[in-house]
Amino acid sequence: MGSSQSNPSMQSKAMVKDMVAQSPIVVFSGTYCVWCVRLQKLLQENELLGMTKTVMLDEHPKGQEYANGLFLLTSQRSIPNVYVNGVHVGGYSEVSHLISTGELQRMLKTK
C-alpha cells in the first residue's frame, strides 16, 4: 500500500547509505565504547581523522535509526562499525588489520 519511502527499514538503510557516501571513512560509534575510542586514536595516529566522518549513535537524534539501518545492511550490531569508500569493513580489529597491512591506504587511493 505505502511506498518504499514510508517503510522504516528502507528509510534507515537509505540513511546509512547516504551517510557513508559523505566521506572516505565513516565510523558509526558511541561515546561509551572503549573500542570506538581506540579506533579514533588509531585513525589519528595514522593521520586519517581528516578524512573520517564519525556518527555518535548515542548522541545523534537519529542514532537508533542509523543503528537499525546498519544492522539491516551489515548484520552487525556492535560498534564501531566502519565503512571505507562506501564498503563495510567491520570494526576495530578489521580496521587495525587493514592499516597494518597497508590495505586501508590502498582502498583509499582507489576511489
C-alpha atoms as a PDB file:
ATOM      1  CA  MET A   1       0.000   0.000   0.000  1.00  0.00           C
ATOM      2  CA  GLY A   2       2.576   2.567   1.082  1.00  0.00           C
ATOM      3  CA  SER A   3       5.616   3.442  -0.961  1.00  0.00           C
ATOM      4  CA  SER A   4       9.030   2.074  -0.083  1.00  0.00           C
ATOM      5  CA  GLN A   5       9.882   5.557   1.197  1.00  0.00           C
ATOM      6  CA  SER A   6       7.403   5.098   4.040  1.00  0.00           C
ATOM      7  CA  ASN A   7       8.942   1.761   5.066  1.00  0.00           C
ATOM      8  CA  PRO A   8      11.089   2.402   8.175  1.00  0.00           C
ATOM      9  CA  SER A   9      13.527  -0.362   7.199  1.00  0.00           C
ATOM     10  CA  MET A  10      14.092   1.157   3.775  1.00  0.00           C
ATOM     11  CA  GLN A  11      14.459   4.625   5.263  1.00  0.00           C
ATOM     12  CA  SER A  12      17.047   3.524   7.839  1.00  0.00           C
ATOM     13  CA  LYS A  13      19.096   1.695   5.196  1.00  0.00           C
ATOM     14  CA  ALA A  14      18.914   4.745   2.928  1.00  0.00           C
ATOM     15  CA  MET A  15      20.093   6.977   5.793  1.00  0.00           C
ATOM     16  CA  VAL A  16      23.185   4.797   6.276  1.00  0.00           C
ATOM     17  CA  LYS A  17      23.921   4.710   2.547  1.00  0.00           C
ATOM     18  CA  ASP A  18      23.603   8.489   2.329  1.00  0.00           C
ATOM     19  CA  MET A  19      25.920   8.957   5.311  1.00  0.00           C
ATOM     20  CA  VAL A  20      28.636   6.602   4.055  1.00  0.00           C
ATOM     21  CA  ALA A  21      28.700   8.487   0.752  1.00  0.00           C
ATOM     22  CA  GLN A  22      29.728  11.688   2.555  1.00  0.00           C
ATOM     23  CA  SER A  23      33.309  10.793   3.466  1.00  0.00           C
ATOM     24  CA  PRO A  24      36.045   8.309   2.526  1.00  0.00           C
ATOM     25  CA  ILE A  25      35.896   6.815   6.026  1.00  0.00           C
ATOM     26  CA  VAL A  26      32.686   6.756   8.055  1.00  0.00           C
ATOM     27  CA  VAL A  27      32.659   5.442  11.602  1.00  0.00           C
ATOM     28  CA  PHE A  28      29.424   4.699  13.428  1.00  0.00           C
ATOM     29  CA  SER A  29      30.442   4.977  17.035  1.00  0.00           C
ATOM     30  CA  GLY A  30      29.379   5.645  20.606  1.00  0.00           C
ATOM     31  CA  THR A  31      30.714   7.783  23.428  1.00  0.00           C
ATOM     32  CA  TYR A  32      30.562   4.863  25.892  1.00  0.00           C
ATOM     33  CA  CYS A  33      32.555   2.410  23.745  1.00  0.00           C
ATOM     34  CA  VAL A  34      36.206   1.667  24.568  1.00  0.00           C
ATOM     35  CA  TRP A  35      36.840   0.164  21.120  1.00  0.00           C
ATOM     36  CA  CYS A  36      35.408   3.294  19.498  1.00  0.00           C
ATOM     37  CA  VAL A  37      37.847   5.472  21.456  1.00  0.00           C
ATOM     38  CA  ARG A  38      40.699   3.159  20.460  1.00  0.00           C
ATOM     39  CA  LEU A  39      39.642   3.342  16.824  1.00  0.00           C
ATOM     40  CA  GLN A  40      39.624   7.150  16.879  1.00  0.00           C
ATOM     41  CA  LYS A  41      43.134   7.083  18.372  1.00  0.00           C
ATOM     42  CA  LEU A  42      44.292   4.596  15.716  1.00  0.00           C
ATOM     43  CA  LEU A  43      42.881   6.793  12.950  1.00  0.00           C
ATOM     44  CA  GLN A  44      44.534   9.860  14.487  1.00  0.00           C
ATOM     45  CA  GLU A  45      47.917   8.100  14.787  1.00  0.00           C
ATOM     46  CA  ASN A  46      47.684   7.201  11.102  1.00  0.00           C
ATOM     47  CA  GLU A  47      46.633  10.717  10.083  1.00  0.00           C
ATOM     48  CA  LEU A  48      43.233   9.557   8.847  1.00  0.00           C
ATOM     49  CA  LEU A  49      40.905  11.636  11.042  1.00  0.00           C
ATOM     50  CA  GLY A  50      40.785  14.441   8.473  1.00  0.00           C
ATOM     51  CA  MET A  51      39.019  12.139   6.013  1.00  0.00           C
ATOM     52  CA  THR A  52      36.804  10.491   8.618  1.00  0.00           C
ATOM     53  CA  LYS A  53      33.199  11.281   9.472  1.00  0.00           C
ATOM     54  CA  THR A  54      32.123   9.939  12.856  1.00  0.00           C
ATOM     55  CA  VAL A  55      28.482   9.457  13.793  1.00  0.00           C
ATOM     56  CA  MET A  56      27.959   9.060  17.540  1.00  0.00           C
ATOM     57  CA  LEU A  57      24.890   6.847  17.638  1.00  0.00           C
ATOM     58  CA  ASP A  58      24.157   7.605  21.295  1.00  0.00           C
ATOM     59  CA  GLU A  59      24.212  11.377  20.681  1.00  0.00           C
ATOM     60  CA  HIS A  60      22.740  11.685  17.189  1.00  0.00           C
ATOM     61  CA  PRO A  61      18.992  12.467  17.109  1.00  0.00           C
ATOM     62  CA  LYS A  62      18.504   9.631  14.616  1.00  0.00           C
ATOM     63  CA  GLY A  63      21.068   7.312  16.177  1.00  0.00           C
ATOM     64  CA  GLN A  64      18.630   4.450  16.659  1.00  0.00           C
ATOM     65  CA  GLU A  65      17.521   4.684  13.036  1.00  0.00           C
ATOM     66  CA  TYR A  66      21.168   4.528  11.937  1.00  0.00           C
ATOM     67  CA  ALA A  67      21.739   1.522  14.219  1.00  0.00           C
ATOM     68  CA  ASN A  68      18.729  -0.241  12.692  1.00  0.00           C
ATOM     69  CA  GLY A  69      19.920   0.501   9.162  1.00  0.00           C
ATOM     70  CA  LEU A  70      23.425  -0.714   9.976  1.00  0.00           C
ATOM     71  CA  PHE A  71      22.076  -3.993  11.270  1.00  0.00           C
ATOM     72  CA  LEU A  72      19.898  -4.474   8.181  1.00  0.00           C
ATOM     73  CA  LEU A  73      22.863  -3.772   5.881  1.00  0.00           C
ATOM     74  CA  THR A  74      25.690  -5.484   7.775  1.00  0.00           C
ATOM     75  CA  SER A  75      24.116  -7.858  10.328  1.00  0.00           C
ATOM     76  CA  GLN A  76      26.460  -6.141  12.796  1.00  0.00           C
ATOM     77  CA  ARG A  77      25.016  -4.574  15.929  1.00  0.00           C
ATOM     78  CA  SER A  78      28.374  -3.831  17.535  1.00  0.00           C
ATOM     79  CA  ILE A  79      30.285  -0.587  17.272  1.00  0.00           C
ATOM     80  CA  PRO A  80      32.491   0.758  15.937  1.00  0.00           C
ATOM     81  CA  ASN A  81      31.016  -0.042  12.578  1.00  0.00           C
ATOM     82  CA  VAL A  82      33.224   1.265   9.771  1.00  0.00           C
ATOM     83  CA  TYR A  83      32.835   1.950   6.062  1.00  0.00           C
ATOM     84  CA  VAL A  84      35.679   2.820   3.693  1.00  0.00           C
ATOM     85  CA  ASN A  85      34.738   4.310   0.324  1.00  0.00           C
ATOM     86  CA  GLY A  86      31.195   3.073   0.841  1.00  0.00           C
ATOM     87  CA  VAL A  87      32.267  -0.516   1.620  1.00  0.00           C
ATOM     88  CA  HIS A  88      31.584  -2.023   5.033  1.00  0.00           C
ATOM     89  CA  VAL A  89      34.883  -3.221   6.522  1.00  0.00           C
ATOM     90  CA  GLY A  90      33.848  -4.158  10.071  1.00  0.00           C
ATOM     91  CA  GLY A  91      35.041  -2.802  13.399  1.00  0.00           C
ATOM     92  CA  TYR A  92      38.252  -2.001  15.267  1.00  0.00           C
ATOM     93  CA  SER A  93      40.053  -5.311  14.620  1.00  0.00           C
ATOM     94  CA  GLU A  94      39.358  -5.227  10.908  1.00  0.00           C
ATOM     95  CA  VAL A  95      40.432  -1.582  10.530  1.00  0.00           C
ATOM     96  CA  SER A  96      43.582  -2.209  12.561  1.00  0.00           C
ATOM     97  CA  HIS A  97      44.429  -5.135  10.276  1.00  0.00           C
ATOM     98  CA  LEU A  98      43.727  -3.079   7.150  1.00  0.00           C
ATOM     99  CA  ILE A  99      46.048  -0.338   8.411  1.00  0.00           C
ATOM    100  CA  SER A 100      48.850  -2.708   9.428  1.00  0.00           C
ATOM    101  CA  THR A 101      48.814  -4.461   6.049  1.00  0.00           C
ATOM    102  CA  GLY A 102      48.587  -1.236   4.031  1.00  0.00           C
ATOM    103  CA  GLU A 103      45.257  -2.339   2.572  1.00  0.00           C
ATOM    104  CA  LEU A 104      43.343   0.621   4.016  1.00  0.00           C
ATOM    105  CA  GLN A 105      45.678   3.066   2.308  1.00  0.00           C
ATOM    106  CA  ARG A 106      45.248   1.147  -0.976  1.00  0.00           C
ATOM    107  CA  MET A 107      41.453   1.215  -0.571  1.00  0.00           C
ATOM    108  CA  LEU A 108      41.555   4.980  -0.061  1.00  0.00           C
ATOM    109  CA  LYS A 109      43.692   5.522  -3.175  1.00  0.00           C
ATOM    110  CA  THR A 110      41.378   3.526  -5.437  1.00  0.00           C
ATOM    111  CA  LYS A 111      38.464   5.920  -5.244  1.00  0.00           C
END
